[in-house]
Amino acid sequence: MMSDDRVAIATRKRKIAELARGIRKKYLLFKLGRSEEDESINKLFKPLSDPLKEIVQSSKILNESVGRIKKEEPLFTPKKTPSTPSRIPQIIRKLKEKEETPFLSLEEIARDDGDGDDDDDDDNQRSREGQQEASFSEQVMDEYLEQYPVMSHPYIKAHWSYSPIIDDLYGPTYDPPSSKWFLGTKEIDFDKKTGYIKIEGKQVRGTPGLYQLIFYRDPDDYNDEDLAAYKGLLKLTDNYLKKDGNLKGTARNKWTHILKFIVERKMPPSGSGLTYNEKPIEYVYWDDPNELVDRLKLLIASKDAGNTSHDNEIVAIINELKEANIIR
C-alpha cells in the first residue's frame, strides 16, 4: 500500500513538473513573439515617434527653465528630514497648503527634500527585479533548449537573442503556433535522440560546421563534408528562391561564396532555331544579263514602294552581276 502511494505521489510530481515546464515554454514563446511584434511596430511608426520624442524633449527643457526661474523666489524652504517611506505623503500635504507654487512639481520637491535614499532603494529594487526576470528568462530558455540536441543550443539561442551573426535571409525561421522550424517552406527538425537534422525524409548528422552553414550569416568554420550535407538539405527546400521562382541572389558573402555555387542551375535553352521550310528551292537561271538588270530595277522599285521582302534577291542579283564583271 505504501509503495502504491509513493508511486502515485511520484507520478503527480512528474506531471506537475511537466506542466510547469510547458507553462514556462509557452511564456517564452509568447515573450519572444511579442518582442518580434514590438520590433516591427517600432520600425513601422518610427517616422512618427521620432519627431514626437523631440517635441517631448523640448517641452522638458522648457519646463526645467521655467522651474529654475520660479525657484529663485521659493514660497517655502523644504526641511531636511530623515529619508523614510512616509516622506512622500508629507510632501503632498505641503503642496496642498501652498497652492501658489504651480511650477514646482512633485518630482522636483522630492529631489530637494531629503538625501535621495528612497531613489536609491527604488533603483536597487528595479535592479533586483531585472536580475530576477533575467534569471527566470535564462531558466526558461534552458528548459526550452532541452528538446533540442546539445550541439544546436548555441545556434538556437543566438537566433532567439536576435544576434547579428544569424542569417535572417537564408536561415531557418520558427513558427510559434506549430512550434516547428522551417527552412523556406519545408519543415526542418533537430532530433535530440539521434542528433540528426531532418528535412523531407532526408537526414544528416548534425555537426558544428553544418549548424553554422544553416544558422550563420557568414559561416567560416566548416569542411567539405559539412558543405556537401548542407547542399543535400538545401536542394530539398525552396529557401533560395523568390516567390516568382527566380534565385534569391544578394551581395552577401554567404551567397557569393557558398549558395551561388550550390543552387545555381543551368538555364534551359530559350528562343528558336531556323524554321524548316518544305517548299522546293527555286533556282533562277539566266543567260542574258539584261534580264537580271530588268529584274533588279523591278525589285528596287518595289522596295521603294515599301516592300522589304526582296532584299535577299536584290543582293543576290547584284552579286551575280559583279561576278560576271557587268558591274563593279
C-alpha atoms as a PDB file:
ATOM      1  CA  MET A   1       0.000   0.000   0.000  1.00  0.00           C
ATOM      2  CA  MET A   2       2.800   2.383   0.910  1.00  0.00           C
ATOM      3  CA  SER A   3       4.596   1.622  -2.361  1.00  0.00           C
ATOM      4  CA  ASP A   4       1.429   2.422  -4.347  1.00  0.00           C
ATOM      5  CA  ASP A   5       1.137   5.778  -2.568  1.00  0.00           C
ATOM      6  CA  ARG A   6       4.753   6.590  -3.339  1.00  0.00           C
ATOM      7  CA  VAL A   7       4.255   5.735  -6.999  1.00  0.00           C
ATOM      8  CA  ALA A   8       1.134   7.922  -7.143  1.00  0.00           C
ATOM      9  CA  ILE A   9       2.946  10.826  -5.456  1.00  0.00           C
ATOM     10  CA  ALA A  10       5.912  10.467  -7.817  1.00  0.00           C
ATOM     11  CA  THR A  11       3.537  10.410 -10.799  1.00  0.00           C
ATOM     12  CA  ARG A  12       1.802  13.587  -9.609  1.00  0.00           C
ATOM     13  CA  LYS A  13       5.147  15.322  -9.085  1.00  0.00           C
ATOM     14  CA  ARG A  14       6.272  14.352 -12.567  1.00  0.00           C
ATOM     15  CA  LYS A  15       3.031  15.653 -14.103  1.00  0.00           C
ATOM     16  CA  ILE A  16       3.332  18.909 -12.146  1.00  0.00           C
ATOM     17  CA  ALA A  17       6.927  19.317 -13.333  1.00  0.00           C
ATOM     18  CA  GLU A  18       5.891  18.674 -16.948  1.00  0.00           C
ATOM     19  CA  LEU A  19       3.033  21.164 -16.610  1.00  0.00           C
ATOM     20  CA  ALA A  20       5.381  23.803 -15.160  1.00  0.00           C
ATOM     21  CA  ARG A  21       7.862  23.188 -17.970  1.00  0.00           C
ATOM     22  CA  GLY A  22       5.108  23.603 -20.547  1.00  0.00           C
ATOM     23  CA  ILE A  23       3.931  26.856 -18.948  1.00  0.00           C
ATOM     24  CA  ARG A  24       7.472  28.253 -18.962  1.00  0.00           C
ATOM     25  CA  LYS A  25       7.910  27.239 -22.605  1.00  0.00           C
ATOM     26  CA  LYS A  26       4.649  28.936 -23.638  1.00  0.00           C
ATOM     27  CA  TYR A  27       5.674  32.040 -21.687  1.00  0.00           C
ATOM     28  CA  LEU A  28       8.984  32.174 -23.531  1.00  0.00           C
ATOM     29  CA  LEU A  29       7.327  31.737 -26.923  1.00  0.00           C
ATOM     30  CA  PHE A  30       4.786  34.430 -26.068  1.00  0.00           C
ATOM     31  CA  LYS A  31       7.518  36.795 -24.917  1.00  0.00           C
ATOM     32  CA  LEU A  32       9.690  36.175 -27.977  1.00  0.00           C
ATOM     33  CA  GLY A  33       6.749  36.542 -30.325  1.00  0.00           C
ATOM     34  CA  ARG A  34       5.754  39.767 -28.585  1.00  0.00           C
ATOM     35  CA  SER A  35       9.314  41.059 -28.968  1.00  0.00           C
ATOM     36  CA  GLU A  36       9.201  40.462 -32.717  1.00  0.00           C
ATOM     37  CA  GLU A  37       5.820  42.203 -32.892  1.00  0.00           C
ATOM     38  CA  ASP A  38       7.065  45.193 -30.850  1.00  0.00           C
ATOM     39  CA  GLU A  39      10.154  45.467 -33.044  1.00  0.00           C
ATOM     40  CA  SER A  40       8.070  45.527 -36.242  1.00  0.00           C
ATOM     41  CA  ILE A  41       5.694  48.133 -34.732  1.00  0.00           C
ATOM     42  CA  ASN A  42       8.630  50.332 -33.724  1.00  0.00           C
ATOM     43  CA  LYS A  43      10.019  50.173 -37.265  1.00  0.00           C
ATOM     44  CA  LEU A  44       6.582  50.971 -38.721  1.00  0.00           C
ATOM     45  CA  PHE A  45       5.889  54.029 -36.531  1.00  0.00           C
ATOM     46  CA  LYS A  46       9.478  55.314 -36.286  1.00  0.00           C
ATOM     47  CA  PRO A  47       8.822  58.238 -38.715  1.00  0.00           C
ATOM     48  CA  LEU A  48       6.071  59.429 -36.352  1.00  0.00           C
ATOM     49  CA  SER A  49       7.591  58.574 -32.988  1.00  0.00           C
ATOM     50  CA  ASP A  50      10.974  60.270 -33.529  1.00  0.00           C
ATOM     51  CA  PRO A  51       9.520  63.799 -34.103  1.00  0.00           C
ATOM     52  CA  LEU A  52       7.188  63.334 -31.123  1.00  0.00           C
ATOM     53  CA  LYS A  53      10.140  62.375 -28.912  1.00  0.00           C
ATOM     54  CA  GLU A  54      11.932  65.563 -29.980  1.00  0.00           C
ATOM     55  CA  ILE A  55       8.848  67.620 -29.066  1.00  0.00           C
ATOM     56  CA  VAL A  56       8.646  65.959 -25.641  1.00  0.00           C
ATOM     57  CA  GLN A  57      12.350  66.587 -25.044  1.00  0.00           C
ATOM     58  CA  SER A  58      11.930  70.270 -25.976  1.00  0.00           C
ATOM     59  CA  SER A  59       8.976  70.544 -23.582  1.00  0.00           C
ATOM     60  CA  LYS A  60      11.071  69.078 -20.743  1.00  0.00           C
ATOM     61  CA  ILE A  61      13.832  71.622 -21.362  1.00  0.00           C
ATOM     62  CA  LEU A  62      11.264  74.460 -21.347  1.00  0.00           C
ATOM     63  CA  ASN A  63       9.685  73.234 -18.090  1.00  0.00           C
ATOM     64  CA  GLU A  64      13.096  72.996 -16.426  1.00  0.00           C
ATOM     65  CA  SER A  65      13.902  76.576 -17.458  1.00  0.00           C
ATOM     66  CA  VAL A  66      10.584  77.885 -16.080  1.00  0.00           C
ATOM     67  CA  GLY A  67      11.079  75.868 -12.895  1.00  0.00           C
ATOM     68  CA  ARG A  68      14.513  77.406 -12.305  1.00  0.00           C
ATOM     69  CA  ILE A  69      13.082  80.933 -12.737  1.00  0.00           C
ATOM     70  CA  LYS A  70      10.303  80.246 -10.250  1.00  0.00           C
ATOM     71  CA  LYS A  71      12.672  78.674  -7.734  1.00  0.00           C
ATOM     72  CA  GLU A  72      14.635  81.901  -7.388  1.00  0.00           C
ATOM     73  CA  GLU A  73      11.856  83.125  -5.038  1.00  0.00           C
ATOM     74  CA  PRO A  74      10.735  79.980  -3.207  1.00  0.00           C
ATOM     75  CA  LEU A  75       7.496  80.219  -1.272  1.00  0.00           C
ATOM     76  CA  PHE A  76       8.781  77.856   1.369  1.00  0.00           C
ATOM     77  CA  THR A  77      12.024  76.134   2.219  1.00  0.00           C
ATOM     78  CA  PRO A  78      11.810  72.342   2.410  1.00  0.00           C
ATOM     79  CA  LYS A  79      13.122  70.966   5.664  1.00  0.00           C
ATOM     80  CA  LYS A  80      15.770  68.323   5.728  1.00  0.00           C
ATOM     81  CA  THR A  81      14.166  65.226   7.223  1.00  0.00           C
ATOM     82  CA  PRO A  82      15.329  61.640   7.521  1.00  0.00           C
ATOM     83  CA  SER A  83      14.597  59.575   4.455  1.00  0.00           C
ATOM     84  CA  THR A  84      11.603  57.340   5.223  1.00  0.00           C
ATOM     85  CA  PRO A  85       8.757  55.871   3.171  1.00  0.00           C
ATOM     86  CA  SER A  86       6.359  58.384   4.790  1.00  0.00           C
ATOM     87  CA  ARG A  87       8.221  61.381   3.330  1.00  0.00           C
ATOM     88  CA  ILE A  88       6.248  61.459   0.063  1.00  0.00           C
ATOM     89  CA  PRO A  89       2.793  61.892   1.760  1.00  0.00           C
ATOM     90  CA  GLN A  90       4.257  64.781   3.798  1.00  0.00           C
ATOM     91  CA  ILE A  91       5.394  66.492   0.613  1.00  0.00           C
ATOM     92  CA  ILE A  92       1.920  66.081  -0.873  1.00  0.00           C
ATOM     93  CA  ARG A  93       0.390  67.814   2.188  1.00  0.00           C
ATOM     94  CA  LYS A  94       2.856  70.698   1.780  1.00  0.00           C
ATOM     95  CA  LEU A  95       1.767  71.076  -1.836  1.00  0.00           C
ATOM     96  CA  LYS A  96      -1.883  71.306  -0.789  1.00  0.00           C
ATOM     97  CA  GLU A  97      -1.043  74.035   1.743  1.00  0.00           C
ATOM     98  CA  LYS A  98       0.962  76.002  -0.847  1.00  0.00           C
ATOM     99  CA  GLU A  99      -1.313  76.146  -3.871  1.00  0.00           C
ATOM    100  CA  GLU A 100       0.568  79.200  -5.114  1.00  0.00           C
ATOM    101  CA  THR A 101       3.506  77.078  -6.363  1.00  0.00           C
ATOM    102  CA  PRO A 102       2.267  75.625  -9.663  1.00  0.00           C
ATOM    103  CA  PHE A 103       5.737  75.473 -11.201  1.00  0.00           C
ATOM    104  CA  LEU A 104       7.196  73.142  -8.584  1.00  0.00           C
ATOM    105  CA  SER A 105       6.454  69.531  -9.447  1.00  0.00           C
ATOM    106  CA  LEU A 106       6.348  66.635  -7.006  1.00  0.00           C
ATOM    107  CA  GLU A 107       9.492  65.156  -8.554  1.00  0.00           C
ATOM    108  CA  GLU A 108      11.432  68.439  -8.070  1.00  0.00           C
ATOM    109  CA  ILE A 109      10.376  68.737  -4.407  1.00  0.00           C
ATOM    110  CA  ALA A 110      11.311  65.105  -3.847  1.00  0.00           C
ATOM    111  CA  ARG A 111      14.772  65.789  -5.252  1.00  0.00           C
ATOM    112  CA  ASP A 112      15.232  68.826  -2.962  1.00  0.00           C
ATOM    113  CA  ASP A 113      13.749  67.200   0.167  1.00  0.00           C
ATOM    114  CA  GLY A 114      15.945  64.562   1.820  1.00  0.00           C
ATOM    115  CA  ASP A 115      19.102  62.869   0.676  1.00  0.00           C
ATOM    116  CA  GLY A 116      17.565  60.667  -2.056  1.00  0.00           C
ATOM    117  CA  ASP A 117      17.887  57.341  -0.254  1.00  0.00           C
ATOM    118  CA  ASP A 118      14.436  56.297  -1.458  1.00  0.00           C
ATOM    119  CA  ASP A 119      15.517  56.793  -5.058  1.00  0.00           C
ATOM    120  CA  ASP A 120      18.470  54.528  -4.410  1.00  0.00           C
ATOM    121  CA  ASP A 121      16.126  51.975  -2.864  1.00  0.00           C
ATOM    122  CA  ASP A 122      13.881  52.158  -5.931  1.00  0.00           C
ATOM    123  CA  ASP A 123      16.876  51.702  -8.214  1.00  0.00           C
ATOM    124  CA  ASN A 124      18.046  48.733  -6.176  1.00  0.00           C
ATOM    125  CA  GLN A 125      14.558  47.244  -6.250  1.00  0.00           C
ATOM    126  CA  ARG A 126      14.336  47.661 -10.019  1.00  0.00           C
ATOM    127  CA  SER A 127      17.791  46.140 -10.367  1.00  0.00           C
ATOM    128  CA  ARG A 128      16.770  43.134  -8.273  1.00  0.00           C
ATOM    129  CA  GLU A 129      13.572  42.727 -10.292  1.00  0.00           C
ATOM    130  CA  GLY A 130      15.560  42.936 -13.520  1.00  0.00           C
ATOM    131  CA  GLN A 131      18.004  40.312 -12.279  1.00  0.00           C
ATOM    132  CA  GLN A 132      15.147  38.039 -11.230  1.00  0.00           C
ATOM    133  CA  GLU A 133      13.454  38.434 -14.616  1.00  0.00           C
ATOM    134  CA  ALA A 134      16.729  37.766 -16.435  1.00  0.00           C
ATOM    135  CA  SER A 135      17.325  34.707 -14.254  1.00  0.00           C
ATOM    136  CA  PHE A 136      13.802  33.467 -14.948  1.00  0.00           C
ATOM    137  CA  SER A 137      14.201  34.065 -18.701  1.00  0.00           C
ATOM    138  CA  GLU A 138      17.514  32.207 -18.667  1.00  0.00           C
ATOM    139  CA  GLN A 139      15.892  29.308 -16.834  1.00  0.00           C
ATOM    140  CA  VAL A 140      13.003  29.213 -19.305  1.00  0.00           C
ATOM    141  CA  MET A 141      15.452  29.318 -22.223  1.00  0.00           C
ATOM    142  CA  ASP A 142      17.441  26.417 -20.762  1.00  0.00           C
ATOM    143  CA  GLU A 143      14.285  24.353 -20.380  1.00  0.00           C
ATOM    144  CA  TYR A 144      13.229  25.273 -23.922  1.00  0.00           C
ATOM    145  CA  LEU A 145      16.592  24.132 -25.306  1.00  0.00           C
ATOM    146  CA  GLU A 146      16.265  20.729 -23.607  1.00  0.00           C
ATOM    147  CA  GLN A 147      14.129  19.489 -26.520  1.00  0.00           C
ATOM    148  CA  TYR A 148      16.993  20.010 -28.998  1.00  0.00           C
ATOM    149  CA  PRO A 149      20.429  18.393 -29.394  1.00  0.00           C
ATOM    150  CA  VAL A 150      23.093  19.934 -27.164  1.00  0.00           C
ATOM    151  CA  MET A 151      25.175  20.807 -30.220  1.00  0.00           C
ATOM    152  CA  SER A 152      22.380  23.045 -31.532  1.00  0.00           C
ATOM    153  CA  HIS A 153      21.901  25.053 -28.313  1.00  0.00           C
ATOM    154  CA  PRO A 154      24.294  27.969 -29.025  1.00  0.00           C
ATOM    155  CA  TYR A 155      22.854  28.454 -32.517  1.00  0.00           C
ATOM    156  CA  ILE A 156      19.197  28.354 -31.448  1.00  0.00           C
ATOM    157  CA  LYS A 157      19.962  30.625 -28.507  1.00  0.00           C
ATOM    158  CA  ALA A 158      21.702  33.111 -30.822  1.00  0.00           C
ATOM    159  CA  HIS A 159      18.620  33.028 -33.048  1.00  0.00           C
ATOM    160  CA  TRP A 160      16.303  33.969 -30.187  1.00  0.00           C
ATOM    161  CA  SER A 161      18.654  36.709 -28.971  1.00  0.00           C
ATOM    162  CA  TYR A 162      18.490  38.332 -32.436  1.00  0.00           C
ATOM    163  CA  SER A 163      22.261  38.159 -32.769  1.00  0.00           C
ATOM    164  CA  PRO A 164      23.703  39.874 -35.883  1.00  0.00           C
ATOM    165  CA  ILE A 165      25.597  36.684 -36.733  1.00  0.00           C
ATOM    166  CA  ILE A 166      22.310  34.912 -37.506  1.00  0.00           C
ATOM    167  CA  ASP A 167      21.240  34.681 -41.152  1.00  0.00           C
ATOM    168  CA  ASP A 168      17.798  36.291 -41.368  1.00  0.00           C
ATOM    169  CA  LEU A 169      17.502  35.736 -45.140  1.00  0.00           C
ATOM    170  CA  TYR A 170      18.601  32.162 -45.819  1.00  0.00           C
ATOM    171  CA  GLY A 171      18.489  30.837 -42.235  1.00  0.00           C
ATOM    172  CA  PRO A 172      15.674  28.863 -40.571  1.00  0.00           C
ATOM    173  CA  THR A 173      12.577  30.515 -39.117  1.00  0.00           C
ATOM    174  CA  TYR A 174      10.447  29.433 -36.162  1.00  0.00           C
ATOM    175  CA  ASP A 175       6.646  29.185 -36.247  1.00  0.00           C
ATOM    176  CA  PRO A 176       5.284  29.628 -32.673  1.00  0.00           C
ATOM    177  CA  PRO A 177       1.733  28.292 -33.339  1.00  0.00           C
ATOM    178  CA  SER A 178       3.067  24.958 -34.610  1.00  0.00           C
ATOM    179  CA  SER A 179       6.304  25.015 -32.538  1.00  0.00           C
ATOM    180  CA  LYS A 180       8.234  23.991 -35.652  1.00  0.00           C
ATOM    181  CA  TRP A 181      11.288  25.234 -37.530  1.00  0.00           C
ATOM    182  CA  PHE A 182      11.177  25.881 -41.264  1.00  0.00           C
ATOM    183  CA  LEU A 183      13.818  26.330 -43.936  1.00  0.00           C
ATOM    184  CA  GLY A 184      11.880  28.170 -46.612  1.00  0.00           C
ATOM    185  CA  THR A 185       8.527  26.379 -46.689  1.00  0.00           C
ATOM    186  CA  LYS A 186       9.960  22.993 -45.673  1.00  0.00           C
ATOM    187  CA  GLU A 187       9.998  21.805 -42.062  1.00  0.00           C
ATOM    188  CA  ILE A 188      13.438  21.217 -40.567  1.00  0.00           C
ATOM    189  CA  ASP A 189      13.743  19.086 -37.436  1.00  0.00           C
ATOM    190  CA  PHE A 190      16.638  18.884 -34.978  1.00  0.00           C
ATOM    191  CA  ASP A 191      16.279  15.416 -33.446  1.00  0.00           C
ATOM    192  CA  LYS A 192      17.546  15.300 -29.861  1.00  0.00           C
ATOM    193  CA  LYS A 193      17.652  11.494 -29.630  1.00  0.00           C
ATOM    194  CA  THR A 194      19.732  10.841 -32.744  1.00  0.00           C
ATOM    195  CA  GLY A 195      21.386  14.227 -33.234  1.00  0.00           C
ATOM    196  CA  TYR A 196      20.285  14.207 -36.876  1.00  0.00           C
ATOM    197  CA  ILE A 197      18.945  17.150 -38.860  1.00  0.00           C
ATOM    198  CA  LYS A 198      15.939  16.133 -40.946  1.00  0.00           C
ATOM    199  CA  ILE A 199      14.206  17.691 -43.962  1.00  0.00           C
ATOM    200  CA  GLU A 200      11.628  15.983 -46.179  1.00  0.00           C
ATOM    201  CA  GLY A 201      12.604  12.499 -45.003  1.00  0.00           C
ATOM    202  CA  LYS A 202      16.320  13.080 -45.581  1.00  0.00           C
ATOM    203  CA  GLN A 203      18.539  13.160 -42.503  1.00  0.00           C
ATOM    204  CA  VAL A 204      22.178  14.057 -41.926  1.00  0.00           C
ATOM    205  CA  ARG A 205      24.213  14.040 -38.748  1.00  0.00           C
ATOM    206  CA  GLY A 206      24.471  17.463 -37.156  1.00  0.00           C
ATOM    207  CA  THR A 207      27.951  18.968 -36.840  1.00  0.00           C
ATOM    208  CA  PRO A 208      29.098  22.426 -35.701  1.00  0.00           C
ATOM    209  CA  GLY A 209      30.065  23.256 -39.277  1.00  0.00           C
ATOM    210  CA  LEU A 210      26.656  22.223 -40.634  1.00  0.00           C
ATOM    211  CA  TYR A 211      24.867  24.243 -37.949  1.00  0.00           C
ATOM    212  CA  GLN A 212      26.977  27.261 -38.908  1.00  0.00           C
ATOM    213  CA  LEU A 213      26.004  26.857 -42.558  1.00  0.00           C
ATOM    214  CA  ILE A 214      22.328  26.653 -41.601  1.00  0.00           C
ATOM    215  CA  PHE A 215      22.138  29.426 -38.996  1.00  0.00           C
ATOM    216  CA  TYR A 216      25.030  31.853 -39.522  1.00  0.00           C
ATOM    217  CA  ARG A 217      25.153  34.824 -41.844  1.00  0.00           C
ATOM    218  CA  ASP A 218      28.858  34.335 -42.588  1.00  0.00           C
ATOM    219  CA  PRO A 219      29.887  30.766 -41.657  1.00  0.00           C
ATOM    220  CA  ASP A 220      33.650  30.310 -41.526  1.00  0.00           C
ATOM    221  CA  ASP A 221      34.316  27.012 -39.731  1.00  0.00           C
ATOM    222  CA  TYR A 222      33.141  24.095 -41.874  1.00  0.00           C
ATOM    223  CA  ASN A 223      34.634  21.388 -44.088  1.00  0.00           C
ATOM    224  CA  ASP A 224      33.760  19.759 -47.401  1.00  0.00           C
ATOM    225  CA  GLU A 225      31.570  17.133 -45.712  1.00  0.00           C
ATOM    226  CA  ASP A 226      29.549  19.851 -43.971  1.00  0.00           C
ATOM    227  CA  LEU A 227      29.163  21.683 -47.285  1.00  0.00           C
ATOM    228  CA  ALA A 228      28.010  18.518 -49.060  1.00  0.00           C
ATOM    229  CA  ALA A 229      25.453  17.811 -46.308  1.00  0.00           C
ATOM    230  CA  TYR A 230      24.201  21.400 -46.455  1.00  0.00           C
ATOM    231  CA  LYS A 231      23.874  21.151 -50.237  1.00  0.00           C
ATOM    232  CA  GLY A 232      21.806  17.984 -49.892  1.00  0.00           C
ATOM    233  CA  LEU A 233      19.440  19.639 -47.406  1.00  0.00           C
ATOM    234  CA  LEU A 234      19.180  22.886 -49.346  1.00  0.00           C
ATOM    235  CA  LYS A 235      18.231  21.103 -52.565  1.00  0.00           C
ATOM    236  CA  LEU A 236      15.116  19.798 -50.772  1.00  0.00           C
ATOM    237  CA  THR A 237      13.894  23.311 -49.943  1.00  0.00           C
ATOM    238  CA  ASP A 238      12.876  26.436 -51.818  1.00  0.00           C
ATOM    239  CA  ASN A 239      14.719  28.675 -49.381  1.00  0.00           C
ATOM    240  CA  TYR A 240      16.981  30.075 -52.089  1.00  0.00           C
ATOM    241  CA  LEU A 241      14.111  31.019 -54.431  1.00  0.00           C
ATOM    242  CA  LYS A 242      11.902  34.072 -54.601  1.00  0.00           C
ATOM    243  CA  LYS A 243       8.137  33.781 -54.860  1.00  0.00           C
ATOM    244  CA  ASP A 244       8.364  34.139 -58.649  1.00  0.00           C
ATOM    245  CA  GLY A 245      10.785  31.200 -58.855  1.00  0.00           C
ATOM    246  CA  ASN A 246      13.932  33.217 -59.540  1.00  0.00           C
ATOM    247  CA  LEU A 247      17.075  32.799 -57.463  1.00  0.00           C
ATOM    248  CA  LYS A 248      17.275  34.878 -54.293  1.00  0.00           C
ATOM    249  CA  GLY A 249      20.704  36.307 -55.043  1.00  0.00           C
ATOM    250  CA  THR A 250      22.316  39.008 -52.893  1.00  0.00           C
ATOM    251  CA  ALA A 251      25.706  40.614 -52.338  1.00  0.00           C
ATOM    252  CA  ARG A 252      26.202  38.721 -49.070  1.00  0.00           C
ATOM    253  CA  ASN A 253      29.300  36.574 -48.701  1.00  0.00           C
ATOM    254  CA  LYS A 254      27.181  33.515 -47.961  1.00  0.00           C
ATOM    255  CA  TRP A 255      25.536  33.820 -51.373  1.00  0.00           C
ATOM    256  CA  THR A 256      28.579  34.781 -53.435  1.00  0.00           C
ATOM    257  CA  HIS A 257      30.922  32.193 -51.875  1.00  0.00           C
ATOM    258  CA  ILE A 258      28.605  29.299 -50.914  1.00  0.00           C
ATOM    259  CA  LEU A 259      24.988  29.319 -52.013  1.00  0.00           C
ATOM    260  CA  LYS A 260      25.576  30.555 -55.545  1.00  0.00           C
ATOM    261  CA  PHE A 261      27.654  27.511 -56.433  1.00  0.00           C
ATOM    262  CA  ILE A 262      25.233  25.117 -54.728  1.00  0.00           C
ATOM    263  CA  VAL A 263      21.893  26.180 -56.186  1.00  0.00           C
ATOM    264  CA  GLU A 264      22.835  27.898 -59.442  1.00  0.00           C
ATOM    265  CA  ARG A 265      21.027  25.997 -62.131  1.00  0.00           C
ATOM    266  CA  LYS A 266      21.708  25.772 -65.831  1.00  0.00           C
ATOM    267  CA  MET A 267      19.191  27.932 -67.616  1.00  0.00           C
ATOM    268  CA  PRO A 268      17.086  25.955 -70.110  1.00  0.00           C
ATOM    269  CA  PRO A 269      17.659  26.895 -73.746  1.00  0.00           C
ATOM    270  CA  SER A 270      15.300  29.581 -74.955  1.00  0.00           C
ATOM    271  CA  GLY A 271      14.382  31.010 -78.337  1.00  0.00           C
ATOM    272  CA  SER A 272      14.187  29.048 -81.571  1.00  0.00           C
ATOM    273  CA  GLY A 273      16.445  27.998 -84.400  1.00  0.00           C
ATOM    274  CA  LEU A 274      15.876  28.223 -88.111  1.00  0.00           C
ATOM    275  CA  THR A 275      12.440  27.119 -89.223  1.00  0.00           C
ATOM    276  CA  TYR A 276      12.281  24.230 -91.647  1.00  0.00           C
ATOM    277  CA  ASN A 277      10.590  25.042 -94.938  1.00  0.00           C
ATOM    278  CA  GLU A 278       9.446  22.144 -97.079  1.00  0.00           C
ATOM    279  CA  LYS A 279       8.963  24.281-100.178  1.00  0.00           C
ATOM    280  CA  PRO A 280      11.342  23.354-103.012  1.00  0.00           C
ATOM    281  CA  ILE A 281      14.208  25.725-103.628  1.00  0.00           C
ATOM    282  CA  GLU A 282      13.594  27.889-106.647  1.00  0.00           C
ATOM    283  CA  TYR A 283      16.733  28.300-108.708  1.00  0.00           C
ATOM    284  CA  VAL A 284      16.885  31.266-111.076  1.00  0.00           C
ATOM    285  CA  TYR A 285      18.715  30.658-114.340  1.00  0.00           C
ATOM    286  CA  TRP A 286      19.701  33.394-116.715  1.00  0.00           C
ATOM    287  CA  ASP A 287      21.524  33.674-119.990  1.00  0.00           C
ATOM    288  CA  ASP A 288      21.011  37.361-120.691  1.00  0.00           C
ATOM    289  CA  PRO A 289      22.343  39.958-118.195  1.00  0.00           C
ATOM    290  CA  ASN A 290      19.690  42.397-119.384  1.00  0.00           C
ATOM    291  CA  GLU A 291      17.071  40.137-117.793  1.00  0.00           C
ATOM    292  CA  LEU A 292      18.872  40.420-114.468  1.00  0.00           C
ATOM    293  CA  VAL A 293      19.112  44.195-114.790  1.00  0.00           C
ATOM    294  CA  ASP A 294      15.398  44.468-115.578  1.00  0.00           C
ATOM    295  CA  ARG A 295      14.593  42.219-112.622  1.00  0.00           C
ATOM    296  CA  LEU A 296      16.831  44.321-110.380  1.00  0.00           C
ATOM    297  CA  LYS A 297      15.063  47.530-111.462  1.00  0.00           C
ATOM    298  CA  LEU A 298      11.698  45.956-110.685  1.00  0.00           C
ATOM    299  CA  LEU A 299      12.772  44.795-107.223  1.00  0.00           C
ATOM    300  CA  ILE A 300      14.289  48.184-106.327  1.00  0.00           C
ATOM    301  CA  ALA A 301      11.073  49.941-107.392  1.00  0.00           C
ATOM    302  CA  SER A 302       9.095  47.525-105.209  1.00  0.00           C
ATOM    303  CA  LYS A 303      11.372  48.243-102.253  1.00  0.00           C
ATOM    304  CA  ASP A 304      10.983  51.999-102.751  1.00  0.00           C
ATOM    305  CA  ALA A 305       7.230  51.456-102.614  1.00  0.00           C
ATOM    306  CA  GLY A 306       7.614  49.911 -99.146  1.00  0.00           C
ATOM    307  CA  ASN A 307       8.022  46.193 -99.828  1.00  0.00           C
ATOM    308  CA  THR A 308      11.007  44.923 -97.833  1.00  0.00           C
ATOM    309  CA  SER A 309      10.713  41.240 -98.682  1.00  0.00           C
ATOM    310  CA  HIS A 310      13.027  41.336-101.711  1.00  0.00           C
ATOM    311  CA  ASP A 311      16.270  42.400-100.022  1.00  0.00           C
ATOM    312  CA  ASN A 312      17.890  38.984-100.329  1.00  0.00           C
ATOM    313  CA  GLU A 313      17.069  38.681-104.018  1.00  0.00           C
ATOM    314  CA  ILE A 314      18.396  42.180-104.708  1.00  0.00           C
ATOM    315  CA  VAL A 315      21.689  41.292-103.031  1.00  0.00           C
ATOM    316  CA  ALA A 316      21.897  38.004-104.969  1.00  0.00           C
ATOM    317  CA  ILE A 317      21.372  39.728-108.355  1.00  0.00           C
ATOM    318  CA  ILE A 318      23.975  42.375-107.538  1.00  0.00           C
ATOM    319  CA  ASN A 319      26.479  39.634-106.629  1.00  0.00           C
ATOM    320  CA  GLU A 320      25.736  37.787-109.889  1.00  0.00           C
ATOM    321  CA  LEU A 321      26.333  40.939-111.906  1.00  0.00           C
ATOM    322  CA  LYS A 322      29.592  41.589-110.057  1.00  0.00           C
ATOM    323  CA  GLU A 323      30.824  38.044-110.683  1.00  0.00           C
ATOM    324  CA  ALA A 324      30.046  38.471-114.373  1.00  0.00           C
ATOM    325  CA  ASN A 325      32.038  41.741-114.373  1.00  0.00           C
ATOM    326  CA  ILE A 326      28.994  43.591-115.619  1.00  0.00           C
ATOM    327  CA  ILE A 327      29.065  45.996-112.671  1.00  0.00           C
ATOM    328  CA  ARG A 328      31.781  46.848-110.233  1.00  0.00           C
END
